[in-house]
Amino acid sequence: MTKDDDGMARGGGERLGTAEVRRVLTGQLGYALPADLVITTRAEIEAREFTAYGRGWRDRVEHERRRAEEARAARERQAKVLAFPRQKQTSPPAPARCPAPPGDEPS
């Protein structure tokens, strides 16, 4: 018995749905299949993965948009600080020159 991508199993030339696959497997194995056993097609798994991947990117874009909005709002909430006007710095007085002793005067 093989399974097509459309969810139908082929067994002896017939196409079987999921319920029939479970019934045939139960008969072949000799015991009931667990209720949590999943029978699906590769196409269904790929479709679910693609959907989850797309949702993940959509969530990422939404998260980045919210972060940008919050950052913009935080910048707008920041206090506007006025700088003090620059005060004119007075230079310290030049050191007083000592007079040269007599006889050491430059010629």
Protein backbone atom coordinates (compact mmCIF):
# COMPACT_ATOMS: atom_id res chain seq x y z
CA MET A 1 0.00 0.00 0.00
CA THR A 2 1.43 3.42 -0.96
CA LYS A 3 0.16 6.90 -0.29
CA ASP A 4 -0.33 9.59 -2.96
CA ASP A 5 0.22 13.29 -2.40
CA ASP A 6 -3.54 13.88 -2.50
CA GLY A 7 -4.11 11.97 0.76
CA MET A 8 -5.38 8.78 -0.80
CA ALA A 9 -3.62 5.45 -0.35
CA ARG A 10 -3.42 2.91 -3.15
CA GLY A 11 -3.84 -0.67 -2.11
CA GLY A 12 -4.47 -3.36 -4.69
CA GLY A 13 -5.61 -0.83 -7.31
CA GLU A 14 -8.11 0.93 -5.00
CA ARG A 15 -7.85 4.40 -3.49
CA LEU A 16 -8.28 4.57 0.28
CA GLY A 17 -9.05 7.54 2.53
CA THR A 18 -7.52 8.06 5.96
CA ALA A 19 -10.21 6.05 7.75
CA GLU A 20 -9.73 3.14 5.39
CA VAL A 21 -5.94 3.30 5.80
CA ARG A 22 -6.39 3.08 9.56
CA ARG A 23 -8.75 0.10 9.15
CA VAL A 24 -6.35 -1.73 6.80
CA LEU A 25 -3.36 -1.09 9.07
CA THR A 26 -5.31 -2.30 12.10
CA GLY A 27 -6.15 -5.49 10.22
CA GLN A 28 -2.56 -5.98 9.05
CA LEU A 29 -1.01 -5.31 12.46
CA GLY A 30 -3.58 -7.23 14.47
CA TYR A 31 -4.12 -4.43 16.99
CA ALA A 32 -5.81 -1.02 17.02
CA LEU A 33 -3.72 1.99 16.06
CA PRO A 34 -3.15 4.60 18.77
CA ALA A 35 -5.60 7.50 18.62
CA ASP A 36 -2.74 10.01 18.37
CA LEU A 37 -1.21 8.40 15.27
CA VAL A 38 -1.36 10.90 12.41
CA ILE A 39 -1.83 9.80 8.83
CA THR A 40 -1.17 12.60 6.38
CA THR A 41 0.38 13.34 3.01
CA ARG A 42 3.68 14.94 2.19
CA ALA A 43 1.81 17.76 0.40
CA GLU A 44 -0.20 18.53 3.54
CA ILE A 45 2.94 18.61 5.69
CA GLU A 46 4.68 20.93 3.21
CA ALA A 47 1.62 23.22 3.08
CA ARG A 48 1.57 23.43 6.89
CA GLU A 49 5.30 24.15 7.02
CA PHE A 50 4.98 26.86 4.36
CA THR A 51 2.07 28.44 6.25
CA ALA A 52 4.02 28.38 9.53
CA TYR A 53 7.07 29.89 7.81
CA GLY A 54 4.97 32.70 6.35
CA ARG A 55 3.35 33.40 9.72
CA GLY A 56 6.77 33.52 11.35
CA TRP A 57 7.94 36.20 8.92
CA ARG A 58 4.70 38.13 9.33
CA ASP A 59 5.18 38.04 13.12
CA ARG A 60 8.77 39.23 12.72
CA VAL A 61 7.73 42.20 10.56
CA GLU A 62 4.99 43.14 13.03
CA HIS A 63 7.47 42.91 15.92
CA GLU A 64 9.96 45.17 14.13
CA ARG A 65 7.21 47.68 13.30
CA ARG A 66 6.15 47.85 16.97
CA ARG A 67 9.77 48.29 18.09
CA ALA A 68 10.24 51.17 15.64
CA GLU A 69 7.04 52.86 16.85
CA GLU A 70 8.05 52.46 20.50
CA ALA A 71 11.52 53.89 19.79
CA ARG A 72 9.99 56.85 17.96
CA ALA A 73 7.57 57.48 20.86
CA ALA A 74 10.44 57.27 23.37
CA ARG A 75 12.44 59.85 21.41
CA GLU A 76 9.43 62.17 21.38
CA ARG A 77 8.96 61.77 25.15
CA GLN A 78 12.54 62.70 25.97
CA ALA A 79 12.96 66.07 27.65
CA LYS A 80 14.17 68.92 25.56
CA VAL A 81 17.31 70.25 27.23
CA LEU A 82 18.50 73.76 26.56
CA ALA A 83 22.22 74.21 26.65
CA PHE A 84 23.70 76.98 28.78
CA PRO A 85 25.07 79.86 26.74
CA ARG A 86 28.81 79.75 26.53
CA GLN A 87 30.37 82.10 28.99
CA LYS A 88 33.42 84.05 28.01
CA GLN A 89 36.40 82.49 29.71
CA THR A 90 38.76 85.06 31.16
CA SER A 91 42.35 84.04 30.90
CA PRO A 92 44.29 83.96 34.15
CA PRO A 93 46.47 86.99 34.73
CA ALA A 94 49.98 86.71 33.37
CA PRO A 95 52.57 86.09 36.07
CA ALA A 96 54.31 89.21 37.20
CA ARG A 97 57.81 89.56 35.88
CA CYS A 98 60.51 90.02 38.37
CA PRO A 99 62.88 92.81 37.50
CA ALA A 100 66.31 91.67 36.46
CA PRO A 101 69.06 92.34 38.98
CA PRO A 102 71.33 95.25 38.12
CA GLY A 103 74.10 94.30 35.81
CA ASP A 104 72.15 91.44 34.19
CA GLU A 105 70.28 93.66 31.88
CA PRO A 106 70.35 92.67 28.24
CA SER A 107 72.41 94.94 26.07
